[in-house]
Protein backbone atom coordinates (compact mmCIF):
# COMPACT_ATOMS: atom_id res chain seq x y z
CA UNK A 1 -79.30 34.00 28.05
CA UNK A 2 -79.39 30.54 29.23
CA UNK A 3 -76.91 29.26 31.99
CA UNK A 4 -75.11 25.82 31.62
CA UNK A 5 -75.27 23.42 34.16
CA UNK A 6 -71.79 22.08 34.63
CA UNK A 7 -72.26 19.77 37.59
CA UNK A 8 -72.18 16.37 35.53
CA UNK A 9 -68.81 17.59 34.18
CA UNK A 10 -67.64 18.85 37.31
CA UNK A 11 -68.42 15.53 39.23
CA UNK A 12 -66.75 13.45 36.38
CA UNK A 13 -63.67 15.68 36.71
CA UNK A 14 -63.35 15.20 40.48
CA UNK A 15 -63.96 11.31 39.88
CA UNK A 16 -61.02 11.11 37.67
CA UNK A 17 -59.13 13.02 40.55
CA UNK A 18 -59.83 10.54 43.02
CA UNK A 19 -59.23 7.78 40.21
CA UNK A 20 -55.74 9.17 39.73
CA UNK A 21 -55.19 9.10 43.60
CA UNK A 22 -56.31 5.35 43.73
CA UNK A 23 -54.04 4.32 40.84
CA UNK A 24 -51.03 6.20 42.15
CA UNK A 25 -51.65 4.25 45.68
CA UNK A 26 -51.85 1.08 43.98
CA UNK A 27 -48.93 1.73 41.84
CA UNK A 28 -46.86 2.40 45.23
CA UNK A 29 -47.94 -1.05 46.87
CA UNK A 30 -47.40 -2.85 43.44
CA UNK A 31 -43.79 -1.79 43.62
CA UNK A 32 -43.07 -2.62 47.27
CA UNK A 33 -41.37 -5.91 47.94
CA UNK A 34 -43.50 -8.70 49.19
CA UNK A 35 -41.83 -9.54 52.18
CA UNK A 36 -42.53 -6.01 53.23
CA UNK A 37 -45.12 -5.86 56.41
CA UNK A 38 -46.88 -2.87 55.04
CA UNK A 39 -47.81 -4.56 51.56
CA UNK A 40 -50.92 -6.10 53.10
CA UNK A 41 -52.25 -2.86 54.59
CA UNK A 42 -51.67 -1.07 51.37
CA UNK A 43 -53.19 -3.62 49.28
CA UNK A 44 -56.18 -4.00 51.43
CA UNK A 45 -56.65 -0.10 51.34
CA UNK A 46 -56.17 0.25 47.67
CA UNK A 47 -58.54 -2.73 46.82
CA UNK A 48 -61.44 -1.48 48.99
CA UNK A 49 -60.97 2.28 47.67
CA UNK A 50 -61.18 0.70 44.44
CA UNK A 51 -63.98 -1.30 44.88
CA UNK A 52 -65.91 1.76 46.45
CA UNK A 53 -64.99 4.16 43.58
CA UNK A 54 -66.27 1.78 41.25
CA UNK A 55 -69.41 1.27 43.05
CA UNK A 56 -69.69 5.31 43.46
CA UNK A 57 -68.81 5.85 40.01
CA UNK A 58 -71.83 3.54 38.46
CA UNK A 59 -74.20 5.67 40.70
CA UNK A 60 -73.07 9.23 39.50
CA UNK A 61 -72.27 8.59 35.86
């Protein structure tokens, strides 16, 4: 009997869960009024997470 290595599938599925979290954060700061003082912090964090995720995703997949 052979065993199936699901490591790549599990990594991909976990990556998509992280992607959903990043997208949720981006949705939040996308709906905050521009005059709110926290918008710049949220947008910086969201953009950095997005950039790092894309870099990591290219290495993994």
